[in-house]
Amino acid sequence: MNERRKTFGTDPGSADDLGAGDFQPRPIARPDPEAARRGAEEGGFTAGASTRASADTQRRYRTGRTAQLNLKVTPEDRARFATMADEAGISMNELFARALEALSDQSPDNDKQPQSRRAK
């Protein structure tokens, strides 16, 4: 087991151990930017064109609301709530805020929180 290790290349431990002493990396071939621009224009790709859907279809609104409220509701109640928001042309957040205002306006004492439905 004292046999000397077999090596690749010339002298073990030298810089040319792997026989790559004369290695020179190839220069990186970069495409011509003007040719790339012409090819993009010919293919119909322009810098100003956008294919993204409008933000309104995805229900993304900038409202300043940062707190989250997660509720467990029935699928029917959720669908009804979404339909009410769609029919009113407002977000579900805005519908929720309006519902809270309407409930507080009905209360005899506006500072009092409305009571929720009690479980049977």
PDB file of N, CA and C in Angstrom:
ATOM      1  N   MET A   1       0.810  -1.204   0.000  1.00  0.00           N
ATOM      2  CA  MET A   1       0.000   0.000   0.000  1.00  0.00           C
ATOM      3  C   MET A   1       0.844   1.255   0.000  1.00  0.00           C
ATOM      4  N   ASN A   2       2.134   1.104   0.031  1.00  0.00           N
ATOM      5  CA  ASN A   2       3.019   2.249  -0.010  1.00  0.00           C
ATOM      6  C   ASN A   2       3.328   2.655  -1.433  1.00  0.00           C
ATOM      7  N   GLU A   3       2.609   2.100  -2.350  1.00  0.00           N
ATOM      8  CA  GLU A   3       2.847   2.410  -3.744  1.00  0.00           C
ATOM      9  C   GLU A   3       2.518   3.867  -4.007  1.00  0.00           C
ATOM     10  N   ARG A   4       3.325   4.479  -4.813  1.00  0.00           N
ATOM     11  CA  ARG A   4       3.122   5.893  -5.122  1.00  0.00           C
ATOM     12  C   ARG A   4       1.863   6.084  -5.948  1.00  0.00           C
ATOM     13  N   ARG A   5       1.152   7.160  -5.650  1.00  0.00           N
ATOM     14  CA  ARG A   5      -0.102   7.467  -6.324  1.00  0.00           C
ATOM     15  C   ARG A   5       0.141   7.764  -7.794  1.00  0.00           C
ATOM     16  N   LYS A   6      -0.725   7.232  -8.623  1.00  0.00           N
ATOM     17  CA  LYS A   6      -0.619   7.513 -10.051  1.00  0.00           C
ATOM     18  C   LYS A   6      -1.162   8.918 -10.296  1.00  0.00           C
ATOM     19  N   THR A   7      -0.503   9.666 -11.122  1.00  0.00           N
ATOM     20  CA  THR A   7      -0.905  11.048 -11.399  1.00  0.00           C
ATOM     21  C   THR A   7      -1.187  11.219 -12.871  1.00  0.00           C
ATOM     22  N   PHE A   8      -1.889  12.272 -13.148  1.00  0.00           N
ATOM     23  CA  PHE A   8      -2.155  12.656 -14.525  1.00  0.00           C
ATOM     24  C   PHE A   8      -1.277  13.852 -14.829  1.00  0.00           C
ATOM     25  N   GLY A   9      -0.785  13.956 -15.981  1.00  0.00           N
ATOM     26  CA  GLY A   9       0.050  15.094 -16.334  1.00  0.00           C
ATOM     27  C   GLY A   9       1.510  14.785 -16.107  1.00  0.00           C
ATOM     28  N   THR A  10       2.275  15.818 -15.860  1.00  0.00           N
ATOM     29  CA  THR A  10       3.723  15.638 -15.747  1.00  0.00           C
ATOM     30  C   THR A  10       4.144  15.412 -14.312  1.00  0.00           C
ATOM     31  N   ASP A  11       4.474  16.408 -13.611  1.00  0.00           N
ATOM     32  CA  ASP A  11       5.023  16.289 -12.261  1.00  0.00           C
ATOM     33  C   ASP A  11       3.926  16.501 -11.229  1.00  0.00           C
ATOM     34  N   PRO A  12       3.732  15.573 -10.275  1.00  0.00           N
ATOM     35  CA  PRO A  12       2.684  15.777  -9.273  1.00  0.00           C
ATOM     36  C   PRO A  12       2.960  17.022  -8.441  1.00  0.00           C
ATOM     37  N   GLY A  13       1.933  17.822  -8.279  1.00  0.00           N
ATOM     38  CA  GLY A  13       2.047  19.035  -7.488  1.00  0.00           C
ATOM     39  C   GLY A  13       2.438  20.251  -8.290  1.00  0.00           C
ATOM     40  N   SER A  14       2.826  20.086  -9.523  1.00  0.00           N
ATOM     41  CA  SER A  14       3.195  21.250 -10.325  1.00  0.00           C
ATOM     42  C   SER A  14       1.940  21.925 -10.861  1.00  0.00           C
ATOM     43  N   ALA A  15       2.102  23.111 -11.406  1.00  0.00           N
ATOM     44  CA  ALA A  15       0.969  23.862 -11.948  1.00  0.00           C
ATOM     45  C   ALA A  15       0.376  23.153 -13.158  1.00  0.00           C
ATOM     46  N   ASP A  16       1.191  22.365 -13.805  1.00  0.00           N
ATOM     47  CA  ASP A  16       0.735  21.679 -15.008  1.00  0.00           C
ATOM     48  C   ASP A  16       0.337  20.243 -14.689  1.00  0.00           C
ATOM     49  N   ASP A  17      -0.141  20.004 -13.475  1.00  0.00           N
ATOM     50  CA  ASP A  17      -0.488  18.668 -13.025  1.00  0.00           C
ATOM     51  C   ASP A  17      -1.510  18.003 -13.935  1.00  0.00           C
ATOM     52  N   LEU A  18      -2.467  18.758 -14.435  1.00  0.00           N
ATOM     53  CA  LEU A  18      -3.514  18.197 -15.293  1.00  0.00           C
ATOM     54  C   LEU A  18      -3.237  18.421 -16.767  1.00  0.00           C
ATOM     55  N   GLY A  19      -2.090  18.952 -17.073  1.00  0.00           N
ATOM     56  CA  GLY A  19      -1.753  19.184 -18.467  1.00  0.00           C
ATOM     57  C   GLY A  19      -2.493  20.361 -19.052  1.00  0.00           C
ATOM     58  N   ALA A  20      -2.875  21.314 -18.223  1.00  0.00           N
ATOM     59  CA  ALA A  20      -3.636  22.461 -18.701  1.00  0.00           C
ATOM     60  C   ALA A  20      -2.835  23.750 -18.591  1.00  0.00           C
ATOM     61  N   GLY A  21      -1.516  23.654 -18.637  1.00  0.00           N
ATOM     62  CA  GLY A  21      -0.665  24.827 -18.487  1.00  0.00           C
ATOM     63  C   GLY A  21      -0.828  25.816 -19.619  1.00  0.00           C
ATOM     64  N   ASP A  22      -1.163  25.322 -20.808  1.00  0.00           N
ATOM     65  CA  ASP A  22      -1.305  26.237 -21.942  1.00  0.00           C
ATOM     66  C   ASP A  22      -2.763  26.603 -22.219  1.00  0.00           C
ATOM     67  N   PHE A  23      -3.624  26.349 -21.245  1.00  0.00           N
ATOM     68  CA  PHE A  23      -5.062  26.643 -21.426  1.00  0.00           C
ATOM     69  C   PHE A  23      -5.294  28.142 -21.533  1.00  0.00           C
ATOM     70  N   GLN A  24      -6.048  28.543 -22.519  1.00  0.00           N
ATOM     71  CA  GLN A  24      -6.455  29.936 -22.698  1.00  0.00           C
ATOM     72  C   GLN A  24      -7.958  29.954 -22.934  1.00  0.00           C
ATOM     73  N   PRO A  25      -8.741  30.678 -22.097  1.00  0.00           N
ATOM     74  CA  PRO A  25     -10.188  30.717 -22.308  1.00  0.00           C
ATOM     75  C   PRO A  25     -10.525  31.442 -23.608  1.00  0.00           C
ATOM     76  N   ARG A  26     -11.599  30.987 -24.222  1.00  0.00           N
ATOM     77  CA  ARG A  26     -12.063  31.641 -25.439  1.00  0.00           C
ATOM     78  C   ARG A  26     -12.755  32.940 -25.088  1.00  0.00           C
ATOM     79  N   PRO A  27     -12.658  33.938 -25.915  1.00  0.00           N
ATOM     80  CA  PRO A  27     -13.397  35.176 -25.645  1.00  0.00           C
ATOM     81  C   PRO A  27     -14.900  34.923 -25.786  1.00  0.00           C
ATOM     82  N   ILE A  28     -15.673  35.634 -25.007  1.00  0.00           N
ATOM     83  CA  ILE A  28     -17.127  35.486 -25.040  1.00  0.00           C
ATOM     84  C   ILE A  28     -17.664  36.166 -26.288  1.00  0.00           C
ATOM     85  N   ALA A  29     -18.433  35.420 -27.061  1.00  0.00           N
ATOM     86  CA  ALA A  29     -19.024  35.969 -28.277  1.00  0.00           C
ATOM     87  C   ALA A  29     -20.321  36.682 -27.904  1.00  0.00           C
ATOM     88  N   ARG A  30     -20.325  37.983 -27.991  1.00  0.00           N
ATOM     89  CA  ARG A  30     -21.505  38.775 -27.656  1.00  0.00           C
ATOM     90  C   ARG A  30     -22.245  39.136 -28.946  1.00  0.00           C
ATOM     91  N   PRO A  31     -23.591  39.035 -28.945  1.00  0.00           N
ATOM     92  CA  PRO A  31     -24.340  39.388 -30.152  1.00  0.00           C
ATOM     93  C   PRO A  31     -24.323  40.897 -30.371  1.00  0.00           C
ATOM     94  N   ASP A  32     -24.478  41.258 -31.607  1.00  0.00           N
ATOM     95  CA  ASP A  32     -24.535  42.672 -31.969  1.00  0.00           C
ATOM     96  C   ASP A  32     -25.860  43.252 -31.471  1.00  0.00           C
ATOM     97  N   PRO A  33     -25.847  44.278 -30.595  1.00  0.00           N
ATOM     98  CA  PRO A  33     -27.100  44.819 -30.053  1.00  0.00           C
ATOM     99  C   PRO A  33     -28.032  45.366 -31.141  1.00  0.00           C
ATOM    100  N   GLU A  34     -27.456  45.943 -32.176  1.00  0.00           N
ATOM    101  CA  GLU A  34     -28.290  46.500 -33.247  1.00  0.00           C
ATOM    102  C   GLU A  34     -28.993  45.385 -34.019  1.00  0.00           C
ATOM    103  N   ALA A  35     -28.303  44.281 -34.246  1.00  0.00           N
ATOM    104  CA  ALA A  35     -28.914  43.146 -34.937  1.00  0.00           C
ATOM    105  C   ALA A  35     -30.015  42.535 -34.072  1.00  0.00           C
ATOM    106  N   ALA A  36     -29.798  42.485 -32.761  1.00  0.00           N
ATOM    107  CA  ALA A  36     -30.823  41.951 -31.863  1.00  0.00           C
ATOM    108  C   ALA A  36     -32.059  42.840 -31.864  1.00  0.00           C
ATOM    109  N   ARG A  37     -31.870  44.154 -31.885  1.00  0.00           N
ATOM    110  CA  ARG A  37     -33.009  45.081 -31.919  1.00  0.00           C
ATOM    111  C   ARG A  37     -33.802  44.918 -33.214  1.00  0.00           C
ATOM    112  N   ARG A  38     -33.083  44.827 -34.340  1.00  0.00           N
ATOM    113  CA  ARG A  38     -33.771  44.651 -35.635  1.00  0.00           C
ATOM    114  C   ARG A  38     -34.553  43.341 -35.658  1.00  0.00           C
ATOM    115  N   GLY A  39     -33.939  42.264 -35.145  1.00  0.00           N
ATOM    116  CA  GLY A  39     -34.625  40.972 -35.111  1.00  0.00           C
ATOM    117  C   GLY A  39     -35.867  41.019 -34.233  1.00  0.00           C
ATOM    118  N   ALA A  40     -35.805  41.723 -33.115  1.00  0.00           N
ATOM    119  CA  ALA A  40     -36.960  41.841 -32.227  1.00  0.00           C
ATOM    120  C   ALA A  40     -38.080  42.616 -32.909  1.00  0.00           C
ATOM    121  N   GLU A  41     -37.725  43.697 -33.603  1.00  0.00           N
ATOM    122  CA  GLU A  41     -38.752  44.475 -34.310  1.00  0.00           C
ATOM    123  C   GLU A  41     -39.398  43.663 -35.428  1.00  0.00           C
ATOM    124  N   GLU A  42     -38.594  42.893 -36.139  1.00  0.00           N
ATOM    125  CA  GLU A  42     -39.136  42.055 -37.214  1.00  0.00           C
ATOM    126  C   GLU A  42     -40.069  40.982 -36.655  1.00  0.00           C
ATOM    127  N   GLY A  43     -39.774  40.514 -35.449  1.00  0.00           N
ATOM    128  CA  GLY A  43     -40.604  39.490 -34.808  1.00  0.00           C
ATOM    129  C   GLY A  43     -41.828  40.064 -34.124  1.00  0.00           C
ATOM    130  N   GLY A  44     -41.959  41.385 -34.118  1.00  0.00           N
ATOM    131  CA  GLY A  44     -43.129  42.005 -33.516  1.00  0.00           C
ATOM    132  C   GLY A  44     -42.975  42.333 -32.041  1.00  0.00           C
ATOM    133  N   PHE A  45     -41.759  42.249 -31.514  1.00  0.00           N
ATOM    134  CA  PHE A  45     -41.527  42.570 -30.108  1.00  0.00           C
ATOM    135  C   PHE A  45     -41.086  44.018 -30.001  1.00  0.00           C
ATOM    136  N   THR A  46     -41.844  44.797 -29.272  1.00  0.00           N
ATOM    137  CA  THR A  46     -41.492  46.201 -29.081  1.00  0.00           C
ATOM    138  C   THR A  46     -41.359  46.490 -27.601  1.00  0.00           C
ATOM    139  N   ALA A  47     -40.595  47.490 -27.274  1.00  0.00           N
ATOM    140  CA  ALA A  47     -40.315  47.799 -25.869  1.00  0.00           C
ATOM    141  C   ALA A  47     -41.542  48.311 -25.137  1.00  0.00           C
ATOM    142  N   GLY A  48     -42.439  48.982 -25.812  1.00  0.00           N
ATOM    143  CA  GLY A  48     -43.568  49.596 -25.123  1.00  0.00           C
ATOM    144  C   GLY A  48     -44.804  48.721 -24.984  1.00  0.00           C
ATOM    145  N   ALA A  49     -44.845  47.604 -25.692  1.00  0.00           N
ATOM    146  CA  ALA A  49     -46.041  46.769 -25.672  1.00  0.00           C
ATOM    147  C   ALA A  49     -46.115  45.962 -24.387  1.00  0.00           C
ATOM    148  N   SER A  50     -47.304  45.894 -23.815  1.00  0.00           N
ATOM    149  CA  SER A  50     -47.508  45.105 -22.610  1.00  0.00           C
ATOM    150  C   SER A  50     -48.659  44.147 -22.846  1.00  0.00           C
ATOM    151  N   THR A  51     -48.485  42.921 -22.384  1.00  0.00           N
ATOM    152  CA  THR A  51     -49.541  41.925 -22.559  1.00  0.00           C
ATOM    153  C   THR A  51     -50.224  41.614 -21.239  1.00  0.00           C
ATOM    154  N   ARG A  52     -49.902  42.358 -20.161  1.00  0.00           N
ATOM    155  CA  ARG A  52     -50.507  42.105 -18.861  1.00  0.00           C
ATOM    156  C   ARG A  52     -51.953  42.587 -18.841  1.00  0.00           C
ATOM    157  N   ALA A  53     -52.760  41.879 -18.089  1.00  0.00           N
ATOM    158  CA  ALA A  53     -54.159  42.273 -17.926  1.00  0.00           C
ATOM    159  C   ALA A  53     -54.227  43.508 -17.047  1.00  0.00           C
ATOM    160  N   SER A  54     -55.293  44.271 -17.195  1.00  0.00           N
ATOM    161  CA  SER A  54     -55.436  45.454 -16.366  1.00  0.00           C
ATOM    162  C   SER A  54     -55.592  45.052 -14.907  1.00  0.00           C
ATOM    163  N   ALA A  55     -55.208  45.948 -14.012  1.00  0.00           N
ATOM    164  CA  ALA A  55     -55.225  45.638 -12.577  1.00  0.00           C
ATOM    165  C   ALA A  55     -56.657  45.455 -12.067  1.00  0.00           C
ATOM    166  N   ASP A  56     -57.639  46.071 -12.709  1.00  0.00           N
ATOM    167  CA  ASP A  56     -59.014  45.965 -12.230  1.00  0.00           C
ATOM    168  C   ASP A  56     -59.554  44.548 -12.346  1.00  0.00           C
ATOM    169  N   THR A  57     -59.109  43.815 -13.346  1.00  0.00           N
ATOM    170  CA  THR A  57     -59.629  42.458 -13.512  1.00  0.00           C
ATOM    171  C   THR A  57     -59.083  41.511 -12.456  1.00  0.00           C
ATOM    172  N   GLN A  58     -57.973  41.880 -11.824  1.00  0.00           N
ATOM    173  CA  GLN A  58     -57.393  41.015 -10.817  1.00  0.00           C
ATOM    174  C   GLN A  58     -57.759  41.463  -9.406  1.00  0.00           C
ATOM    175  N   ARG A  59     -58.619  42.426  -9.268  1.00  0.00           N
ATOM    176  CA  ARG A  59     -59.050  42.952  -7.973  1.00  0.00           C
ATOM    177  C   ARG A  59     -57.870  43.426  -7.134  1.00  0.00           C
ATOM    178  N   ARG A  60     -56.980  44.171  -7.739  1.00  0.00           N
ATOM    179  CA  ARG A  60     -55.857  44.744  -6.995  1.00  0.00           C
ATOM    180  C   ARG A  60     -56.115  46.227  -6.836  1.00  0.00           C
ATOM    181  N   TYR A  61     -56.222  46.632  -5.600  1.00  0.00           N
ATOM    182  CA  TYR A  61     -56.504  48.017  -5.292  1.00  0.00           C
ATOM    183  C   TYR A  61     -55.467  48.536  -4.312  1.00  0.00           C
ATOM    184  N   ARG A  62     -55.067  49.773  -4.456  1.00  0.00           N
ATOM    185  CA  ARG A  62     -54.190  50.420  -3.481  1.00  0.00           C
ATOM    186  C   ARG A  62     -55.082  51.230  -2.568  1.00  0.00           C
ATOM    187  N   THR A  63     -55.255  50.733  -1.366  1.00  0.00           N
ATOM    188  CA  THR A  63     -56.212  51.355  -0.461  1.00  0.00           C
ATOM    189  C   THR A  63     -55.607  51.812   0.843  1.00  0.00           C
ATOM    190  N   GLY A  64     -54.388  51.428   1.129  1.00  0.00           N
ATOM    191  CA  GLY A  64     -53.797  51.762   2.411  1.00  0.00           C
ATOM    192  C   GLY A  64     -54.189  50.794   3.513  1.00  0.00           C
ATOM    193  N   ARG A  65     -54.964  49.794   3.175  1.00  0.00           N
ATOM    194  CA  ARG A  65     -55.347  48.795   4.183  1.00  0.00           C
ATOM    195  C   ARG A  65     -54.189  47.832   4.379  1.00  0.00           C
ATOM    196  N   THR A  66     -53.806  47.645   5.636  1.00  0.00           N
ATOM    197  CA  THR A  66     -52.668  46.771   5.899  1.00  0.00           C
ATOM    198  C   THR A  66     -53.008  45.641   6.860  1.00  0.00           C
ATOM    199  N   ALA A  67     -54.103  45.748   7.600  1.00  0.00           N
ATOM    200  CA  ALA A  67     -54.476  44.693   8.544  1.00  0.00           C
ATOM    201  C   ALA A  67     -55.282  43.622   7.824  1.00  0.00           C
ATOM    202  N   GLN A  68     -55.128  42.394   8.282  1.00  0.00           N
ATOM    203  CA  GLN A  68     -55.823  41.287   7.654  1.00  0.00           C
ATOM    204  C   GLN A  68     -56.887  40.746   8.594  1.00  0.00           C
ATOM    205  N   LEU A  69     -58.019  40.338   8.030  1.00  0.00           N
ATOM    206  CA  LEU A  69     -59.109  39.746   8.795  1.00  0.00           C
ATOM    207  C   LEU A  69     -59.530  38.483   8.061  1.00  0.00           C
ATOM    208  N   ASN A  70     -59.275  37.344   8.667  1.00  0.00           N
ATOM    209  CA  ASN A  70     -59.628  36.064   8.048  1.00  0.00           C
ATOM    210  C   ASN A  70     -60.858  35.513   8.746  1.00  0.00           C
ATOM    211  N   LEU A  71     -61.866  35.192   7.977  1.00  0.00           N
ATOM    212  CA  LEU A  71     -63.123  34.696   8.519  1.00  0.00           C
ATOM    213  C   LEU A  71     -63.456  33.345   7.912  1.00  0.00           C
ATOM    214  N   LYS A  72     -64.038  32.475   8.713  1.00  0.00           N
ATOM    215  CA  LYS A  72     -64.580  31.219   8.202  1.00  0.00           C
ATOM    216  C   LYS A  72     -66.043  31.474   7.880  1.00  0.00           C
ATOM    217  N   VAL A  73     -66.387  31.322   6.626  1.00  0.00           N
ATOM    218  CA  VAL A  73     -67.773  31.522   6.194  1.00  0.00           C
ATOM    219  C   VAL A  73     -68.178  30.350   5.320  1.00  0.00           C
ATOM    220  N   THR A  74     -69.459  30.224   5.095  1.00  0.00           N
ATOM    221  CA  THR A  74     -69.925  29.170   4.203  1.00  0.00           C
ATOM    222  C   THR A  74     -69.637  29.589   2.759  1.00  0.00           C
ATOM    223  N   PRO A  75     -69.492  28.631   1.867  1.00  0.00           N
ATOM    224  CA  PRO A  75     -69.278  28.980   0.458  1.00  0.00           C
ATOM    225  C   PRO A  75     -70.418  29.837  -0.101  1.00  0.00           C
ATOM    226  N   GLU A  76     -71.621  29.596   0.372  1.00  0.00           N
ATOM    227  CA  GLU A  76     -72.769  30.371  -0.106  1.00  0.00           C
ATOM    228  C   GLU A  76     -72.649  31.835   0.324  1.00  0.00           C
ATOM    229  N   ASP A  77     -72.264  32.063   1.606  1.00  0.00           N
ATOM    230  CA  ASP A  77     -72.109  33.434   2.081  1.00  0.00           C
ATOM    231  C   ASP A  77     -70.978  34.150   1.349  1.00  0.00           C
ATOM    232  N   ARG A  78     -69.904  33.437   1.078  1.00  0.00           N
ATOM    233  CA  ARG A  78     -68.799  34.065   0.365  1.00  0.00           C
ATOM    234  C   ARG A  78     -69.210  34.442  -1.055  1.00  0.00           C
ATOM    235  N   ALA A  79     -69.911  33.533  -1.727  1.00  0.00           N
ATOM    236  CA  ALA A  79     -70.374  33.817  -3.084  1.00  0.00           C
ATOM    237  C   ALA A  79     -71.355  34.980  -3.084  1.00  0.00           C
ATOM    238  N   ARG A  80     -72.239  35.015  -2.101  1.00  0.00           N
ATOM    239  CA  ARG A  80     -73.212  36.113  -1.990  1.00  0.00           C
ATOM    240  C   ARG A  80     -72.490  37.444  -1.763  1.00  0.00           C
ATOM    241  N   PHE A  81     -71.471  37.435  -0.905  1.00  0.00           N
ATOM    242  CA  PHE A  81     -70.713  38.648  -0.607  1.00  0.00           C
ATOM    243  C   PHE A  81     -69.978  39.142  -1.856  1.00  0.00           C
ATOM    244  N   ALA A  82     -69.355  38.221  -2.595  1.00  0.00           N
ATOM    245  CA  ALA A  82     -68.647  38.589  -3.823  1.00  0.00           C
ATOM    246  C   ALA A  82     -69.610  39.127  -4.871  1.00  0.00           C
ATOM    247  N   THR A  83     -70.791  38.516  -4.975  1.00  0.00           N
ATOM    248  CA  THR A  83     -71.795  38.983  -5.940  1.00  0.00           C
ATOM    249  C   THR A  83     -72.261  40.391  -5.588  1.00  0.00           C
ATOM    250  N   MET A  84     -72.472  40.636  -4.289  1.00  0.00           N
ATOM    251  CA  MET A  84     -72.899  41.976  -3.860  1.00  0.00           C
ATOM    252  C   MET A  84     -71.834  43.022  -4.213  1.00  0.00           C
ATOM    253  N   ALA A  85     -70.553  42.681  -4.013  1.00  0.00           N
ATOM    254  CA  ALA A  85     -69.472  43.612  -4.346  1.00  0.00           C
ATOM    255  C   ALA A  85     -69.411  43.851  -5.844  1.00  0.00           C
ATOM    256  N   ASP A  86     -69.547  42.789  -6.641  1.00  0.00           N
ATOM    257  CA  ASP A  86     -69.519  42.926  -8.099  1.00  0.00           C
ATOM    258  C   ASP A  86     -70.675  43.778  -8.591  1.00  0.00           C
ATOM    259  N   GLU A  87     -71.868  43.547  -8.052  1.00  0.00           N
ATOM    260  CA  GLU A  87     -73.042  44.320  -8.483  1.00  0.00           C
ATOM    261  C   GLU A  87     -72.916  45.784  -8.115  1.00  0.00           C
ATOM    262  N   ALA A  88     -72.283  46.069  -6.981  1.00  0.00           N
ATOM    263  CA  ALA A  88     -72.089  47.459  -6.569  1.00  0.00           C
ATOM    264  C   ALA A  88     -70.884  48.086  -7.261  1.00  0.00           C
ATOM    265  N   GLY A  89     -70.058  47.270  -7.906  1.00  0.00           N
ATOM    266  CA  GLY A  89     -68.886  47.788  -8.615  1.00  0.00           C
ATOM    267  C   GLY A  89     -67.785  48.238  -7.663  1.00  0.00           C
ATOM    268  N   ILE A  90     -67.694  47.600  -6.494  1.00  0.00           N
ATOM    269  CA  ILE A  90     -66.694  47.956  -5.499  1.00  0.00           C
ATOM    270  C   ILE A  90     -65.933  46.702  -5.075  1.00  0.00           C
ATOM    271  N   SER A  91     -64.841  46.909  -4.354  1.00  0.00           N
ATOM    272  CA  SER A  91     -64.072  45.767  -3.871  1.00  0.00           C
ATOM    273  C   SER A  91     -64.774  45.147  -2.675  1.00  0.00           C
ATOM    274  N   MET A  92     -64.374  43.922  -2.346  1.00  0.00           N
ATOM    275  CA  MET A  92     -64.933  43.257  -1.176  1.00  0.00           C
ATOM    276  C   MET A  92     -64.538  44.002   0.101  1.00  0.00           C
ATOM    277  N   ASN A  93     -63.353  44.625   0.092  1.00  0.00           N
ATOM    278  CA  ASN A  93     -62.929  45.425   1.247  1.00  0.00           C
ATOM    279  C   ASN A  93     -63.873  46.607   1.458  1.00  0.00           C
ATOM    280  N   GLU A  94     -64.198  47.267   0.371  1.00  0.00           N
ATOM    281  CA  GLU A  94     -65.087  48.431   0.467  1.00  0.00           C
ATOM    282  C   GLU A  94     -66.484  48.005   0.894  1.00  0.00           C
ATOM    283  N   LEU A  95     -66.968  46.888   0.395  1.00  0.00           N
ATOM    284  CA  LEU A  95     -68.279  46.389   0.807  1.00  0.00           C
ATOM    285  C   LEU A  95     -68.292  46.084   2.303  1.00  0.00           C
ATOM    286  N   PHE A  96     -67.205  45.484   2.795  1.00  0.00           N
ATOM    287  CA  PHE A  96     -67.113  45.183   4.222  1.00  0.00           C
ATOM    288  C   PHE A  96     -67.142  46.474   5.047  1.00  0.00           C
ATOM    289  N   ALA A  97     -66.402  47.488   4.617  1.00  0.00           N
ATOM    290  CA  ALA A  97     -66.384  48.762   5.333  1.00  0.00           C
ATOM    291  C   ALA A  97     -67.772  49.408   5.332  1.00  0.00           C
ATOM    292  N   ARG A  98     -68.444  49.347   4.198  1.00  0.00           N
ATOM    293  CA  ARG A  98     -69.799  49.923   4.118  1.00  0.00           C
ATOM    294  C   ARG A  98     -70.784  49.159   4.999  1.00  0.00           C
ATOM    295  N   ALA A  99     -70.636  47.838   5.070  1.00  0.00           N
ATOM    296  CA  ALA A  99     -71.513  47.038   5.923  1.00  0.00           C
ATOM    297  C   ALA A  99     -71.307  47.396   7.384  1.00  0.00           C
ATOM    298  N   LEU A 100     -70.062  47.610   7.783  1.00  0.00           N
ATOM    299  CA  LEU A 100     -69.796  48.025   9.161  1.00  0.00           C
ATOM    300  C   LEU A 100     -70.418  49.385   9.463  1.00  0.00           C
ATOM    301  N   GLU A 101     -70.303  50.299   8.524  1.00  0.00           N
ATOM    302  CA  GLU A 101     -70.904  51.627   8.711  1.00  0.00           C
ATOM    303  C   GLU A 101     -72.420  51.526   8.822  1.00  0.00           C
ATOM    304  N   ALA A 102     -73.024  50.706   7.964  1.00  0.00           N
ATOM    305  CA  ALA A 102     -74.485  50.561   7.994  1.00  0.00           C
ATOM    306  C   ALA A 102     -74.932  49.946   9.318  1.00  0.00           C
ATOM    307  N   LEU A 103     -74.193  48.965   9.816  1.00  0.00           N
ATOM    308  CA  LEU A 103     -74.547  48.352  11.093  1.00  0.00           C
ATOM    309  C   LEU A 103     -74.378  49.331  12.250  1.00  0.00           C
ATOM    310  N   SER A 104     -73.330  50.128  12.214  1.00  0.00           N
ATOM    311  CA  SER A 104     -73.141  51.085  13.304  1.00  0.00           C
ATOM    312  C   SER A 104     -74.163  52.208  13.237  1.00  0.00           C
ATOM    313  N   ASP A 105     -74.655  52.549  12.051  1.00  0.00           N
ATOM    314  CA  ASP A 105     -75.693  53.571  11.922  1.00  0.00           C
ATOM    315  C   ASP A 105     -77.031  53.072  12.455  1.00  0.00           C
ATOM    316  N   GLN A 106     -77.290  51.771  12.377  1.00  0.00           N
ATOM    317  CA  GLN A 106     -78.545  51.198  12.871  1.00  0.00           C
ATOM    318  C   GLN A 106     -78.559  51.087  14.390  1.00  0.00           C
ATOM    319  N   SER A 107     -77.392  51.048  14.993  1.00  0.00           N
ATOM    320  CA  SER A 107     -77.290  50.858  16.440  1.00  0.00           C
ATOM    321  C   SER A 107     -77.791  52.106  17.167  1.00  0.00           C
ATOM    322  N   PRO A 108     -78.556  51.937  18.278  1.00  0.00           N
ATOM    323  CA  PRO A 108     -79.026  53.101  19.029  1.00  0.00           C
ATOM    324  C   PRO A 108     -77.861  53.899  19.615  1.00  0.00           C
ATOM    325  N   ASP A 109     -76.827  53.215  20.032  1.00  0.00           N
ATOM    326  CA  ASP A 109     -75.643  53.876  20.564  1.00  0.00           C
ATOM    327  C   ASP A 109     -74.501  53.605  19.586  1.00  0.00           C
ATOM    328  N   ASN A 110     -74.111  54.603  18.767  1.00  0.00           N
ATOM    329  CA  ASN A 110     -73.138  54.390  17.694  1.00  0.00           C
ATOM    330  C   ASN A 110     -71.764  53.981  18.194  1.00  0.00           C
ATOM    331  N   ASP A 111     -71.452  54.207  19.473  1.00  0.00           N
ATOM    332  CA  ASP A 111     -70.152  53.810  20.003  1.00  0.00           C
ATOM    333  C   ASP A 111     -70.110  52.333  20.336  1.00  0.00           C
ATOM    334  N   LYS A 112     -71.279  51.722  20.474  1.00  0.00           N
ATOM    335  CA  LYS A 112     -71.367  50.327  20.865  1.00  0.00           C
ATOM    336  C   LYS A 112     -71.123  49.425  19.656  1.00  0.00           C
ATOM    337  N   GLN A 113     -70.423  48.351  19.856  1.00  0.00           N
ATOM    338  CA  GLN A 113     -70.194  47.388  18.791  1.00  0.00           C
ATOM    339  C   GLN A 113     -71.446  46.538  18.608  1.00  0.00           C
ATOM    340  N   PRO A 114     -71.859  46.247  17.367  1.00  0.00           N
ATOM    341  CA  PRO A 114     -73.024  45.384  17.171  1.00  0.00           C
ATOM    342  C   PRO A 114     -72.731  43.965  17.636  1.00  0.00           C
ATOM    343  N   GLN A 115     -73.752  43.306  18.165  1.00  0.00           N
ATOM    344  CA  GLN A 115     -73.581  41.936  18.634  1.00  0.00           C
ATOM    345  C   GLN A 115     -73.667  40.986  17.451  1.00  0.00           C
ATOM    346  N   SER A 116     -72.851  39.958  17.492  1.00  0.00           N
ATOM    347  CA  SER A 116     -72.874  38.972  16.424  1.00  0.00           C
ATOM    348  C   SER A 116     -73.968  37.957  16.699  1.00  0.00           C
ATOM    349  N   ARG A 117     -74.261  37.156  15.667  1.00  0.00           N
ATOM    350  CA  ARG A 117     -75.255  36.101  15.844  1.00  0.00           C
ATOM    351  C   ARG A 117     -74.744  35.112  16.874  1.00  0.00           C
ATOM    352  N   ARG A 118     -75.591  34.686  17.748  1.00  0.00           N
ATOM    353  CA  ARG A 118     -75.182  33.748  18.785  1.00  0.00           C
ATOM    354  C   ARG A 118     -75.352  32.326  18.279  1.00  0.00           C
ATOM    355  N   ALA A 119     -74.399  31.489  18.655  1.00  0.00           N
ATOM    356  CA  ALA A 119     -74.475  30.065  18.271  1.00  0.00           C
ATOM    357  C   ALA A 119     -75.560  29.379  19.095  1.00  0.00           C
ATOM    358  N   LYS A 120     -76.215  28.427  18.469  1.00  0.00           N
ATOM    359  CA  LYS A 120     -77.293  27.727  19.149  1.00  0.00           C
ATOM    360  C   LYS A 120     -76.768  26.711  20.090  1.00  0.00           C
TER     361      LYS A 120
END
